[in-house]
Amino acid sequence: MQARATVSAGYQKTFDLQIPAFKLIERSRKTTKRHLATSASALLWGRYVAPFIPESPQMFRCSTTALLVACFSLLSTHQAFGDTPTHSSWSQWRGPQRNGLVSAADWPSSLKDQHLVEQWSKSLGPSYSGPIISMDRVFVTETQDKQFEVVRALDLKTGKQIWETQWEGSMQVPFFAASNGSWIRATPSLDGDRLYVAGIRDVLVCLDASSGEILWKVDFVADTGSPLPQFGFASSPLVHGDHIYVQAGASLAKLDKLTGKIVWQRLKDDGGMYGSAFSSPIVATIAEVEQLIVQTRTSLAGVSPSDGTVLWTQDISAFRGMNILTPTVVGNSVFTSCYGGRSTMFTIDRQDNDWKVTEAWSHKSQGYMSSPLVIGDYIYLHLKNRRFVCLNSATGAEQWTTTPFGKYWSMIGNGSTILALDESGDLLLIQASPEEFKLLDRVTVGDNAWAHLAVVGEQIYVRNLDSIKAFAWK
């Protein structure tokens, strides 16, 4: 795999000086050690780096302040990727907790006029990957010239490019899916100073987030002999502890996040038209046991993260194996919905080492590509028939359903408010209420917006097919 990393000249010197400090923090994994490492890094900066900053006092102050802020931000950022997610970053598929929910100050009640102001926009090649936001930068992917996959780091405040890395990687999806495009699909994951990117040809690439340097790569087709997935690598990587979990290589795979070494592979399939997952895994505790909740093209499963033991499985029938949405955990139950199937809640029970899966309820609604939100006791889901439905999570009772609008929604929930982006670029502000559908506001912010929406603080990021836009929302 040929690759090239390019750092913009204006950022190169500062990055070269800062990278050792960042790496010192990242390599100190325990909380106390990270605190000590942060202090040590700040002292190193003042003792050895500051004297070489150009003569401008303002530049010195800004660079030093930026480093100190970044050091302490990295602590909170590192925690956000581990056991204590926060709303100050958007580090992976569906946000800090991988469930589309954030805990932030109340959102504004309007999307109009002075409440939503575009800050910057940058033209990009096509991609379905959602943006990743952390510290002072935004990470985006694209397919370029139908030949290369490109990862870019952009300045959070201006959209100016910091670095870019590219490698050869492209393919053609089956003819009946060609209208959906043959470009990079999965959303990356950021963990400390490492960015994990899934390339469409079943390649997982680990980049240094500061410089764009490729640290390691795994080509599942070449390295494991698995077939090239006909729809590409669509599942977004999950970082948990010292490992990364991906549905790639026609399997669920566990890899060492520092080296890329494959630890184990489970739930193997034959690839091809009905193999290789569309869904993305999550980690949850069910019946007091931590497990990966995984949806393949044909089934739902709970898998031990440590040794890969398949704890339980449940067949899920879908048209052409289109089990796409991310499975959703509600207590000791798991919800899923699919095209050509139904919306179903499964209760997972354990007695000693015996696991039992029971259908708690089933509803006629058919999910498709949009993953649901669980707010309070209710599930909010956008359907294949383009309607939006609210279901009681305990009984499956339909609270309400809307008339059709939007082929696809990505959704984020904050308290009792939902922000949704449809594929046409319409941003929808919705009151999450089981009583009735309440559309609070609506505004067009782009077009061809199939990538997942991201919200960090008072900023909204919209990845259109040909650009990314940043908005201030106050």
Protein backbone atom coordinates (compact mmCIF):
# COMPACT_ATOMS: atom_id res chain seq x y z
CA MET A 1 0.00 0.00 0.00
CA GLN A 2 1.61 3.23 -1.12
CA ALA A 3 0.88 6.14 1.16
CA ARG A 4 1.85 9.74 1.57
CA ALA A 5 1.45 12.09 4.53
CA THR A 6 1.72 15.85 4.02
CA VAL A 7 1.71 18.41 6.83
CA SER A 8 0.91 22.00 5.92
CA ALA A 9 3.99 24.21 6.30
CA GLY A 10 2.43 26.59 8.79
CA TYR A 11 1.80 23.77 11.26
CA GLN A 12 4.90 21.61 10.74
CA LYS A 13 7.36 23.20 13.19
CA THR A 14 4.87 23.51 16.03
CA PHE A 15 3.76 19.89 15.54
CA ASP A 16 7.34 18.61 15.46
CA LEU A 17 7.92 20.20 18.85
CA GLN A 18 4.62 19.13 20.37
CA ILE A 19 4.49 15.50 19.26
CA PRO A 20 6.94 14.16 21.93
CA ALA A 21 4.88 15.81 24.65
CA PHE A 22 1.65 14.32 23.31
CA LYS A 23 3.22 10.88 23.02
CA LEU A 24 4.48 11.03 26.62
CA ILE A 25 0.93 11.62 27.81
CA GLU A 26 -0.58 8.95 25.57
CA ARG A 27 1.87 6.28 26.69
CA SER A 28 1.03 6.91 30.34
CA ARG A 29 -2.20 5.00 30.53
CA LYS A 30 -3.17 5.14 34.19
CA THR A 31 -4.86 8.30 35.37
CA THR A 32 -2.21 9.25 37.94
CA LYS A 33 0.59 8.62 35.50
CA ARG A 34 -1.18 10.71 32.87
CA HIS A 35 -1.42 13.61 35.31
CA LEU A 36 2.31 13.36 36.04
CA ALA A 37 3.07 13.02 32.35
CA THR A 38 1.05 16.12 31.58
CA SER A 39 3.01 18.14 34.11
CA ALA A 40 6.29 16.74 32.81
CA SER A 41 5.32 17.55 29.24
CA ALA A 42 4.47 21.12 30.16
CA LEU A 43 7.83 21.50 31.92
CA LEU A 44 9.66 20.02 28.94
CA TRP A 45 7.89 22.51 26.71
CA GLY A 46 8.95 25.46 28.84
CA ARG A 47 12.55 24.25 29.31
CA TYR A 48 13.47 22.97 25.85
CA VAL A 49 10.88 24.11 23.31
CA ALA A 50 9.94 27.67 24.22
CA PRO A 51 13.42 29.10 23.55
CA PHE A 52 13.12 28.03 19.90
CA ILE A 53 9.74 29.66 19.24
CA PRO A 54 10.04 32.51 16.70
CA GLU A 55 10.62 35.99 18.09
CA SER A 56 6.97 37.05 18.12
CA PRO A 57 5.85 37.25 21.82
CA GLN A 58 2.27 36.75 20.68
CA MET A 59 3.20 33.57 18.85
CA PHE A 60 5.10 32.36 21.93
CA ARG A 61 2.14 33.00 24.20
CA CYS A 62 -0.29 31.39 21.77
CA SER A 63 1.90 28.34 21.18
CA THR A 64 2.61 27.81 24.87
CA THR A 65 -1.00 28.30 25.83
CA ALA A 66 -2.10 25.96 23.05
CA LEU A 67 0.27 23.27 24.27
CA LEU A 68 -0.87 23.54 27.88
CA VAL A 69 -4.51 23.54 26.88
CA ALA A 70 -3.90 20.61 24.55
CA CYS A 71 -2.11 18.65 27.27
CA PHE A 72 -4.97 18.97 29.72
CA SER A 73 -7.51 18.52 26.93
CA LEU A 74 -5.79 15.29 26.01
CA LEU A 75 -6.46 13.98 29.49
CA SER A 76 -10.17 14.61 29.16
CA THR A 77 -10.08 13.45 25.55
CA HIS A 78 -8.35 10.23 26.52
CA GLN A 79 -11.01 9.63 29.16
CA ALA A 80 -13.69 10.35 26.57
CA PHE A 81 -12.42 7.42 24.52
CA GLY A 82 -12.31 5.13 27.54
CA ASP A 83 -14.62 4.79 30.49
CA THR A 84 -15.89 8.35 30.92
CA PRO A 85 -17.14 9.83 27.64
CA THR A 86 -17.88 13.54 27.56
CA HIS A 87 -19.64 15.88 25.15
CA SER A 88 -16.44 17.87 24.50
CA SER A 89 -15.36 15.67 21.61
CA TRP A 90 -16.86 13.54 18.87
CA SER A 91 -14.42 10.66 18.77
CA GLN A 92 -16.24 7.85 16.99
CA TRP A 93 -19.35 6.61 15.21
CA ARG A 94 -22.47 8.16 16.77
CA GLY A 95 -20.51 10.23 19.26
CA PRO A 96 -18.82 9.92 22.66
CA GLN A 97 -20.95 7.02 23.91
CA ARG A 98 -21.61 5.46 20.50
CA ASN A 99 -25.38 5.79 21.02
CA GLY A 100 -26.15 9.17 19.47
CA LEU A 101 -26.70 10.82 22.86
CA VAL A 102 -24.84 13.74 24.43
CA SER A 103 -25.13 15.40 27.83
CA ALA A 104 -24.79 19.10 27.17
CA ALA A 105 -26.37 22.41 28.08
CA ASP A 106 -29.86 22.86 26.70
CA TRP A 107 -29.81 23.43 22.97
CA PRO A 108 -31.30 26.59 21.45
CA SER A 109 -34.95 26.34 20.39
CA SER A 110 -34.27 27.76 16.92
CA LEU A 111 -32.13 27.00 13.87
CA LYS A 112 -32.84 30.31 12.16
CA ASP A 113 -31.17 33.69 11.69
CA GLN A 114 -28.59 34.55 14.34
CA HIS A 115 -28.99 31.22 16.14
CA LEU A 116 -27.23 29.17 13.44
CA VAL A 117 -24.32 30.86 11.66
CA GLU A 118 -21.96 29.19 9.19
CA GLN A 119 -18.34 29.52 10.38
CA TRP A 120 -16.47 27.89 7.54
CA SER A 121 -16.78 25.43 4.67
CA LYS A 122 -14.24 23.26 2.87
CA SER A 123 -14.63 21.38 -0.41
CA LEU A 124 -13.85 17.66 -0.22
CA GLY A 125 -14.13 14.51 -2.27
CA PRO A 126 -17.04 12.09 -1.69
CA SER A 127 -17.36 10.13 1.55
CA TYR A 128 -20.00 8.66 3.85
CA SER A 129 -17.69 8.91 6.89
CA GLY A 130 -18.84 11.19 9.66
CA PRO A 131 -16.36 13.82 10.90
CA ILE A 132 -14.27 13.26 14.02
CA ILE A 133 -13.70 16.26 16.30
CA SER A 134 -11.20 16.57 19.13
CA MET A 135 -9.10 19.33 20.68
CA ASP A 136 -8.21 21.77 17.90
CA ARG A 137 -8.98 19.76 14.80
CA VAL A 138 -11.55 18.02 12.65
CA PHE A 139 -10.70 14.76 10.86
CA VAL A 140 -12.41 13.85 7.58
CA THR A 141 -12.01 11.19 4.92
CA GLU A 142 -12.69 11.10 1.19
CA THR A 143 -12.21 9.08 -1.97
CA GLN A 144 -10.21 11.00 -4.56
CA ASP A 145 -10.17 10.47 -8.34
CA LYS A 146 -11.76 7.02 -7.87
CA GLN A 147 -8.28 5.80 -6.92
CA PHE A 148 -7.10 7.11 -3.55
CA GLU A 149 -8.46 7.35 -0.04
CA VAL A 150 -7.51 10.56 1.71
CA VAL A 151 -7.60 11.51 5.39
CA ARG A 152 -7.35 15.20 6.29
CA ALA A 153 -6.92 17.04 9.57
CA LEU A 154 -8.52 20.49 9.52
CA ASP A 155 -8.22 23.38 11.92
CA LEU A 156 -11.27 23.41 14.17
CA LYS A 157 -11.78 27.17 14.00
CA THR A 158 -10.96 27.90 10.36
CA GLY A 159 -11.23 24.67 8.38
CA LYS A 160 -7.68 25.23 7.11
CA GLN A 161 -5.88 21.98 6.32
CA ILE A 162 -3.23 20.86 8.81
CA TRP A 163 -2.18 17.61 7.16
CA GLU A 164 -3.34 15.00 4.70
CA THR A 165 -2.49 11.35 4.16
CA GLN A 166 -3.50 9.18 1.24
CA TRP A 167 -3.17 5.61 0.00
CA GLU A 168 -4.41 3.66 -2.98
CA GLY A 169 -7.86 2.28 -2.31
CA SER A 170 -10.99 2.07 -4.43
CA MET A 171 -13.52 -0.46 -5.70
CA GLN A 172 -16.87 -0.72 -7.43
CA VAL A 173 -19.90 -1.85 -5.46
CA PRO A 174 -22.52 -4.09 -7.16
CA PHE A 175 -24.49 -2.45 -9.98
CA PHE A 176 -27.76 -2.27 -8.03
CA ALA A 177 -26.00 -0.31 -5.27
CA ALA A 178 -23.99 1.91 -7.62
CA SER A 179 -26.28 4.86 -6.99
CA ASN A 180 -25.06 4.79 -3.38
CA GLY A 181 -21.50 5.40 -4.52
CA SER A 182 -18.18 3.55 -4.41
CA TRP A 183 -16.37 5.61 -1.83
CA ILE A 184 -15.12 5.32 1.73
CA ARG A 185 -17.95 4.52 4.14
CA ALA A 186 -16.99 3.85 7.75
CA THR A 187 -16.52 6.60 10.35
CA PRO A 188 -13.02 6.62 11.93
CA SER A 189 -12.30 6.32 15.66
CA LEU A 190 -9.91 8.56 17.58
CA ASP A 191 -8.11 7.32 20.69
CA GLY A 192 -5.56 9.66 22.24
CA ASP A 193 -3.09 10.53 19.50
CA ARG A 194 -4.15 7.70 17.19
CA LEU A 195 -6.77 7.80 14.47
CA TYR A 196 -8.16 4.51 13.15
CA VAL A 197 -9.55 4.63 9.61
CA ALA A 198 -11.39 1.86 7.76
CA GLY A 199 -10.66 1.92 4.03
CA ILE A 200 -13.25 0.59 1.62
CA ARG A 201 -11.09 -2.36 0.47
CA ASP A 202 -11.21 -3.95 3.95
CA VAL A 203 -8.10 -2.12 5.14
CA LEU A 204 -7.69 -0.75 8.68
CA VAL A 205 -5.12 2.03 8.97
CA CYS A 206 -3.74 3.58 12.17
CA LEU A 207 -2.50 7.17 11.83
CA ASP A 208 -0.65 9.51 14.13
CA ALA A 209 -3.34 12.15 14.70
CA SER A 210 -0.74 14.90 15.09
CA SER A 211 1.10 14.37 11.82
CA GLY A 212 -0.92 11.96 9.67
CA GLU A 213 1.94 9.45 9.64
CA ILE A 214 0.79 5.87 9.06
CA LEU A 215 1.79 3.81 12.12
CA TRP A 216 0.42 0.48 10.94
CA LYS A 217 -2.10 -1.02 8.56
CA VAL A 218 -3.93 -4.32 8.25
CA ASP A 219 -5.18 -5.48 4.87
CA PHE A 220 -7.70 -8.16 5.82
CA VAL A 221 -7.97 -9.53 2.29
CA ALA A 222 -4.21 -9.92 1.90
CA ASP A 223 -3.42 -10.81 5.51
CA THR A 224 -6.25 -13.22 6.35
CA GLY A 225 -7.35 -14.49 2.94
CA SER A 226 -10.89 -13.22 3.39
CA PRO A 227 -12.86 -12.15 0.31
CA LEU A 228 -13.12 -8.48 -0.62
CA PRO A 229 -16.48 -7.30 0.76
CA GLN A 230 -18.69 -6.48 -2.21
CA PHE A 231 -20.07 -3.36 -0.53
CA GLY A 232 -16.78 -2.33 1.06
CA PHE A 233 -15.69 -1.91 4.67
CA ALA A 234 -18.85 -0.32 6.10
CA SER A 235 -18.54 -1.06 9.83
CA SER A 236 -17.03 1.70 12.00
CA PRO A 237 -14.13 0.70 14.32
CA LEU A 238 -14.65 0.44 18.08
CA VAL A 239 -11.77 1.19 20.47
CA HIS A 240 -12.13 -0.40 23.90
CA GLY A 241 -9.29 -0.65 26.39
CA ASP A 242 -6.04 -1.71 24.72
CA HIS A 243 -7.76 -3.12 21.66
CA ILE A 244 -9.77 -2.20 18.62
CA TYR A 245 -12.73 -4.23 17.37
CA VAL A 246 -13.87 -4.21 13.76
CA GLN A 247 -16.31 -6.18 11.65
CA ALA A 248 -13.89 -6.86 8.83
CA GLY A 249 -12.24 -9.83 7.20
CA ALA A 250 -15.71 -11.43 6.96
CA SER A 251 -15.68 -11.64 10.77
CA LEU A 252 -15.57 -9.77 14.05
CA ALA A 253 -11.88 -9.11 14.68
CA LYS A 254 -9.97 -7.99 17.78
CA LEU A 255 -6.65 -6.22 17.22
CA ASP A 256 -3.96 -4.73 19.43
CA LYS A 257 -4.52 -1.00 19.00
CA LEU A 258 -0.80 -0.17 19.21
CA THR A 259 0.51 -2.74 16.74
CA GLY A 260 -2.43 -3.87 14.62
CA LYS A 261 -1.78 -7.50 15.50
CA ILE A 262 -4.93 -9.61 15.12
CA VAL A 263 -5.73 -11.28 18.44
CA TRP A 264 -8.76 -13.29 17.33
CA GLN A 265 -11.55 -13.47 14.77
CA ARG A 266 -15.08 -14.69 15.48
CA LEU A 267 -18.49 -14.87 13.77
CA LYS A 268 -16.86 -15.63 10.45
CA ASP A 269 -18.95 -15.66 7.29
CA ASP A 270 -18.32 -16.38 3.62
CA GLY A 271 -18.17 -12.75 2.55
CA GLY A 272 -19.61 -12.09 -0.89
CA MET A 273 -23.08 -10.70 -1.43
CA TYR A 274 -24.45 -11.74 1.97
CA GLY A 275 -21.31 -11.49 4.07
CA SER A 276 -19.28 -8.69 5.69
CA ALA A 277 -21.22 -6.53 8.12
CA PHE A 278 -23.00 -3.24 7.48
CA SER A 279 -23.60 -2.60 11.19
CA SER A 280 -21.08 -1.35 13.79
CA PRO A 281 -20.36 -3.05 17.15
CA ILE A 282 -20.89 -1.52 20.58
CA VAL A 283 -19.81 -2.58 24.07
CA ALA A 284 -22.32 -2.92 26.90
CA THR A 285 -22.93 -4.73 30.17
CA ILE A 286 -25.88 -7.11 30.01
CA ALA A 287 -26.80 -9.47 32.85
CA GLU A 288 -23.74 -8.10 34.69
CA VAL A 289 -21.39 -9.30 31.94
CA GLU A 290 -19.46 -6.92 29.71
CA GLN A 291 -19.84 -7.91 26.08
CA LEU A 292 -19.62 -6.74 22.52
CA ILE A 293 -23.04 -6.41 20.93
CA VAL A 294 -22.59 -7.28 17.30
CA GLN A 295 -24.97 -7.44 14.36
CA THR A 296 -23.86 -9.42 11.32
CA ARG A 297 -25.75 -9.68 8.04
CA THR A 298 -27.80 -12.55 9.46
CA SER A 299 -27.73 -12.41 13.26
CA LEU A 300 -27.37 -10.51 16.50
CA ALA A 301 -24.77 -11.70 19.03
CA GLY A 302 -23.07 -11.05 22.35
CA VAL A 303 -19.32 -11.71 22.36
CA SER A 304 -16.78 -11.63 25.18
CA PRO A 305 -14.27 -8.84 24.46
CA SER A 306 -11.47 -10.71 26.21
CA ASP A 307 -11.39 -14.14 24.57
CA GLY A 308 -14.01 -13.85 21.83
CA THR A 309 -16.39 -16.38 23.33
CA VAL A 310 -19.75 -16.10 21.58
CA LEU A 311 -22.12 -15.85 24.54
CA TRP A 312 -25.39 -15.85 22.63
CA THR A 313 -26.78 -15.42 19.13
CA GLN A 314 -30.15 -14.59 17.62
CA ASP A 315 -31.05 -14.96 13.94
CA ILE A 316 -32.23 -11.73 12.28
CA SER A 317 -33.89 -12.07 8.90
CA ALA A 318 -33.56 -9.08 6.56
CA PHE A 319 -33.91 -8.41 2.84
CA ARG A 320 -30.52 -9.19 1.24
CA GLY A 321 -29.03 -9.32 4.71
CA MET A 322 -29.53 -5.57 5.21
CA ASN A 323 -29.00 -5.52 8.95
CA ILE A 324 -27.55 -2.02 8.93
CA LEU A 325 -28.43 0.00 12.01
CA THR A 326 -26.34 -0.15 15.18
CA PRO A 327 -27.90 -2.45 17.81
CA THR A 328 -29.32 -0.57 20.79
CA VAL A 329 -29.12 -1.74 24.40
CA VAL A 330 -31.97 -0.97 26.80
CA GLY A 331 -31.20 -2.42 30.23
CA ASN A 332 -30.73 -6.16 29.71
CA SER A 333 -32.39 -6.10 26.31
CA VAL A 334 -31.22 -5.37 22.78
CA PHE A 335 -33.29 -3.62 20.11
CA THR A 336 -32.82 -3.87 16.37
CA SER A 337 -34.84 -3.26 13.23
CA CYS A 338 -34.25 -4.08 9.58
CA TYR A 339 -35.47 -3.74 6.01
CA GLY A 340 -37.63 -6.71 5.10
CA GLY A 341 -38.03 -7.63 8.76
CA ARG A 342 -39.44 -6.02 11.88
CA SER A 343 -38.51 -3.93 14.89
CA THR A 344 -37.76 -6.32 17.75
CA MET A 345 -36.66 -6.13 21.37
CA PHE A 346 -34.81 -9.18 22.69
CA THR A 347 -34.33 -9.83 26.40
CA ILE A 348 -30.99 -11.43 27.29
CA ASP A 349 -30.91 -13.64 30.42
CA ARG A 350 -28.06 -15.57 32.03
CA GLN A 351 -28.09 -18.42 34.52
CA ASP A 352 -24.55 -19.43 35.38
CA ASN A 353 -22.96 -19.88 31.95
CA ASP A 354 -26.19 -20.50 30.08
CA TRP A 355 -27.58 -17.63 28.05
CA LYS A 356 -31.15 -17.29 26.83
CA VAL A 357 -32.53 -14.88 24.24
CA THR A 358 -36.27 -14.16 24.38
CA GLU A 359 -38.33 -11.95 22.11
CA ALA A 360 -39.89 -9.34 24.40
CA TRP A 361 -41.92 -7.69 21.66
CA SER A 362 -42.05 -7.11 17.93
CA HIS A 363 -43.46 -4.29 15.82
CA LYS A 364 -44.19 -4.08 12.10
CA SER A 365 -41.96 -1.02 11.52
CA GLN A 366 -38.88 -1.62 9.38
CA GLY A 367 -35.71 0.28 10.12
CA TYR A 368 -33.14 0.75 7.41
CA MET A 369 -29.92 2.76 7.67
CA SER A 370 -30.76 5.16 10.50
CA SER A 371 -29.79 4.03 14.00
CA PRO A 372 -32.36 4.83 16.72
CA LEU A 373 -32.22 7.02 19.80
CA VAL A 374 -33.49 5.89 23.20
CA ILE A 375 -34.70 8.84 25.25
CA GLY A 376 -36.42 8.04 28.51
CA ASP A 377 -38.70 5.05 27.99
CA TYR A 378 -39.08 5.54 24.24
CA ILE A 379 -37.33 4.60 21.03
CA TYR A 380 -37.21 7.13 18.18
CA LEU A 381 -36.52 5.54 14.80
CA HIS A 382 -36.48 6.66 11.16
CA LEU A 383 -37.85 3.92 8.88
CA LYS A 384 -37.38 2.46 5.41
CA ASN A 385 -40.75 3.95 4.40
CA ARG A 386 -39.33 7.39 5.34
CA ARG A 387 -41.61 7.81 8.33
CA PHE A 388 -40.42 8.64 11.84
CA VAL A 389 -41.85 6.51 14.64
CA CYS A 390 -41.89 6.55 18.44
CA LEU A 391 -42.15 3.17 20.19
CA ASN A 392 -42.55 2.33 23.87
CA SER A 393 -39.32 0.50 24.75
CA ALA A 394 -41.04 -1.72 27.34
CA THR A 395 -44.04 -2.86 25.28
CA GLY A 396 -43.34 -1.99 21.65
CA ALA A 397 -46.55 0.04 21.50
CA GLU A 398 -46.54 2.64 18.77
CA GLN A 399 -46.92 6.10 20.28
CA TRP A 400 -47.10 7.91 16.95
CA THR A 401 -45.77 7.88 13.41
CA THR A 402 -45.28 10.71 10.93
CA THR A 403 -45.99 11.17 7.26
CA PRO A 404 -42.98 10.35 5.04
CA PHE A 405 -40.04 12.72 4.78
CA GLY A 406 -36.35 12.04 4.28
CA LYS A 407 -34.73 8.85 2.96
CA TYR A 408 -32.17 8.80 5.76
CA TRP A 409 -31.62 10.59 9.06
CA SER A 410 -28.62 10.78 11.33
CA MET A 411 -29.78 11.81 14.79
CA ILE A 412 -28.33 13.19 18.02
CA GLY A 413 -30.26 13.45 21.28
CA ASN A 414 -29.65 15.89 24.13
CA GLY A 415 -32.10 15.70 27.01
CA SER A 416 -35.56 15.86 25.47
CA THR A 417 -34.41 17.36 22.16
CA ILE A 418 -33.40 15.63 18.93
CA LEU A 419 -31.31 17.14 16.15
CA ALA A 420 -31.62 15.24 12.88
CA LEU A 421 -29.98 15.67 9.48
CA ASP A 422 -31.61 14.13 6.43
CA GLU A 423 -29.90 13.13 3.21
CA SER A 424 -31.08 16.26 1.39
CA GLY A 425 -29.27 18.51 3.88
CA ASP A 426 -32.27 19.56 5.96
CA LEU A 427 -31.52 20.02 9.65
CA LEU A 428 -34.49 19.23 11.90
CA LEU A 429 -34.97 20.23 15.52
CA ILE A 430 -37.47 17.92 17.22
CA GLN A 431 -38.99 17.74 20.68
CA ALA A 432 -38.67 14.17 21.94
CA SER A 433 -42.16 13.50 23.25
CA PRO A 434 -44.23 10.30 23.31
CA GLU A 435 -47.39 12.38 23.06
CA GLU A 436 -46.94 13.64 19.51
CA PHE A 437 -44.37 14.48 16.86
CA LYS A 438 -43.19 18.05 17.48
CA LEU A 439 -41.02 19.67 14.82
CA LEU A 440 -39.58 22.78 16.46
CA ASP A 441 -37.59 24.12 13.52
CA ARG A 442 -36.14 23.19 10.16
CA VAL A 443 -33.46 24.71 7.93
CA THR A 444 -31.43 23.61 4.91
CA VAL A 445 -27.70 23.49 5.65
CA GLY A 446 -26.36 21.40 2.76
CA ASP A 447 -27.22 18.67 0.30
CA ASN A 448 -26.40 15.00 -0.21
CA ALA A 449 -25.69 14.67 3.50
CA TRP A 450 -25.40 10.91 4.11
CA ALA A 451 -22.58 11.13 6.67
CA HIS A 452 -23.46 11.25 10.35
CA LEU A 453 -24.08 14.65 11.91
CA ALA A 454 -21.72 15.79 14.70
CA VAL A 455 -22.32 18.26 17.53
CA VAL A 456 -19.60 19.44 19.94
CA GLY A 457 -20.48 22.18 22.39
CA GLU A 458 -22.02 25.03 20.42
CA GLN A 459 -20.70 23.76 17.09
CA ILE A 460 -22.51 21.67 14.46
CA TYR A 461 -20.58 19.85 11.73
CA VAL A 462 -22.31 18.76 8.53
CA ARG A 463 -20.46 16.49 6.09
CA ASN A 464 -22.05 16.82 2.66
CA LEU A 465 -20.91 14.55 -0.13
CA ASP A 466 -18.64 17.26 -1.55
CA SER A 467 -17.79 19.40 1.49
CA ILE A 468 -17.86 19.88 5.24
CA LYS A 469 -19.46 22.88 6.96
CA ALA A 470 -19.10 24.13 10.52
CA PHE A 471 -21.87 26.13 12.17
CA ALA A 472 -22.05 28.04 15.44
CA TRP A 473 -25.35 27.30 17.20
CA LYS A 474 -26.27 29.69 19.99
